Amino acid sequence: MEHSDELTPFYRAVDAASLGRSIADARKEAAITQQELAMKLGVTRGTIVRLEAGGAVSVVVAMQAIRAVGRDVALVPRFSKLQVRP
C-alpha cells in the first residue's frame, strides 16, 4: 500500500450522481480527458459519460476509475462519525 504525505480533497458521495461528480472533478484536476480515462479502463467514453452523470455502470468500473484519477475510497456506514486527518 502506498502512502503519501500529500493531502488530497475529501469528497462525500451519497448517491450515484454525487459519486459521478466527484470522479469528474478528480479527473479534471488530474488533467485526464474522458477518452483517456476510458482507454485506461478498457471501456468506451460513453461508459465514462454515464459514470460521471450518475448513470448505471458496474461497481468495478467505478472503483477502477477512482483509482485511475489518483483517489482512494473509504466506505463509511451512514450515521457514523468520521474525522479526516493528514
Protein backbone atom coordinates (compact mmCIF):
# COMPACT_ATOMS: atom_id res chain seq x y z
CA MET A 1 0.00 0.00 0.00
CA GLU A 2 1.37 3.36 -0.99
CA HIS A 3 1.48 6.23 1.46
CA SER A 4 1.87 9.87 0.63
CA ASP A 5 2.09 12.87 2.90
CA GLU A 6 0.36 14.92 0.19
CA LEU A 7 -3.16 15.98 1.19
CA THR A 8 -5.97 15.18 -1.20
CA PRO A 9 -9.52 16.51 -1.24
CA PHE A 10 -12.20 14.62 0.60
CA TYR A 11 -15.38 14.03 -1.39
CA ARG A 12 -18.59 12.86 0.20
CA ALA A 13 -20.64 10.86 -2.26
CA VAL A 14 -24.04 9.76 -1.03
CA ASP A 15 -25.52 8.61 -4.33
CA ALA A 16 -24.50 7.77 -7.89
CA ALA A 17 -24.82 11.39 -9.05
CA SER A 18 -22.52 12.80 -6.36
CA LEU A 19 -20.04 9.95 -6.90
CA GLY A 20 -20.02 10.75 -10.62
CA ARG A 21 -19.44 14.45 -9.98
CA SER A 22 -16.55 13.72 -7.63
CA ILE A 23 -14.94 11.39 -10.17
CA ALA A 24 -15.36 14.05 -12.88
CA ASP A 25 -13.81 16.70 -10.63
CA ALA A 26 -10.84 14.46 -9.79
CA ARG A 27 -10.39 13.52 -13.47
CA LYS A 28 -10.32 17.17 -14.50
CA GLU A 29 -7.92 18.01 -11.67
CA ALA A 30 -5.62 15.24 -12.94
CA ALA A 31 -5.89 16.70 -16.48
CA ILE A 32 -7.26 13.43 -17.90
CA THR A 33 -9.89 13.50 -20.64
CA GLN A 34 -12.89 11.21 -20.60
CA GLN A 35 -11.42 9.39 -23.62
CA GLU A 36 -8.06 8.90 -21.88
CA LEU A 37 -9.77 7.53 -18.77
CA ALA A 38 -11.88 5.21 -20.91
CA MET A 39 -8.76 3.88 -22.64
CA LYS A 40 -7.02 3.29 -19.28
CA LEU A 41 -10.02 1.27 -18.09
CA GLY A 42 -10.69 -0.54 -21.36
CA VAL A 43 -14.23 0.86 -21.65
CA THR A 44 -15.94 3.26 -24.01
CA ARG A 45 -16.11 7.01 -23.48
CA GLY A 46 -19.88 6.55 -23.20
CA THR A 47 -19.31 4.47 -20.06
CA ILE A 48 -17.33 7.32 -18.51
CA VAL A 49 -20.02 9.82 -19.52
CA ARG A 50 -22.65 7.60 -17.80
CA LEU A 51 -20.46 7.19 -14.71
CA GLU A 52 -19.90 10.93 -14.35
CA ALA A 53 -23.61 11.63 -14.90
CA GLY A 54 -24.60 9.19 -12.17
CA GLY A 55 -25.87 6.56 -14.58
CA ALA A 56 -25.63 2.79 -14.33
CA VAL A 57 -22.11 1.35 -14.58
CA SER A 58 -20.52 -1.58 -12.80
CA VAL A 59 -19.03 -1.08 -9.35
CA VAL A 60 -15.76 -2.47 -10.74
CA VAL A 61 -15.57 0.27 -13.38
CA ALA A 62 -16.39 2.95 -10.79
CA MET A 63 -13.67 1.71 -8.42
CA GLN A 64 -11.13 1.45 -11.25
CA ALA A 65 -11.98 4.99 -12.35
CA ILE A 66 -11.48 6.31 -8.83
CA ARG A 67 -8.04 4.71 -8.62
CA ALA A 68 -7.11 5.85 -12.15
CA VAL A 69 -7.69 9.50 -11.20
CA GLY A 70 -5.49 9.12 -8.13
CA ARG A 71 -8.09 8.80 -5.40
CA ASP A 72 -8.95 6.23 -2.75
CA VAL A 73 -12.31 5.09 -1.46
CA ALA A 74 -13.42 4.90 2.15
CA LEU A 75 -16.85 3.42 2.79
CA VAL A 76 -18.39 4.82 5.94
CA PRO A 77 -21.67 3.49 7.35
CA ARG A 78 -24.46 6.04 7.46
CA PHE A 79 -24.70 7.95 10.74
CA SER A 80 -21.06 7.22 11.56
CA LYS A 81 -18.79 9.98 12.73
CA LEU A 82 -15.76 10.49 10.57
CA GLN A 83 -12.69 12.61 11.22
CA VAL A 84 -10.30 13.09 8.33
CA ARG A 85 -6.77 13.98 9.37
CA PRO A 86 -3.47 14.17 7.50
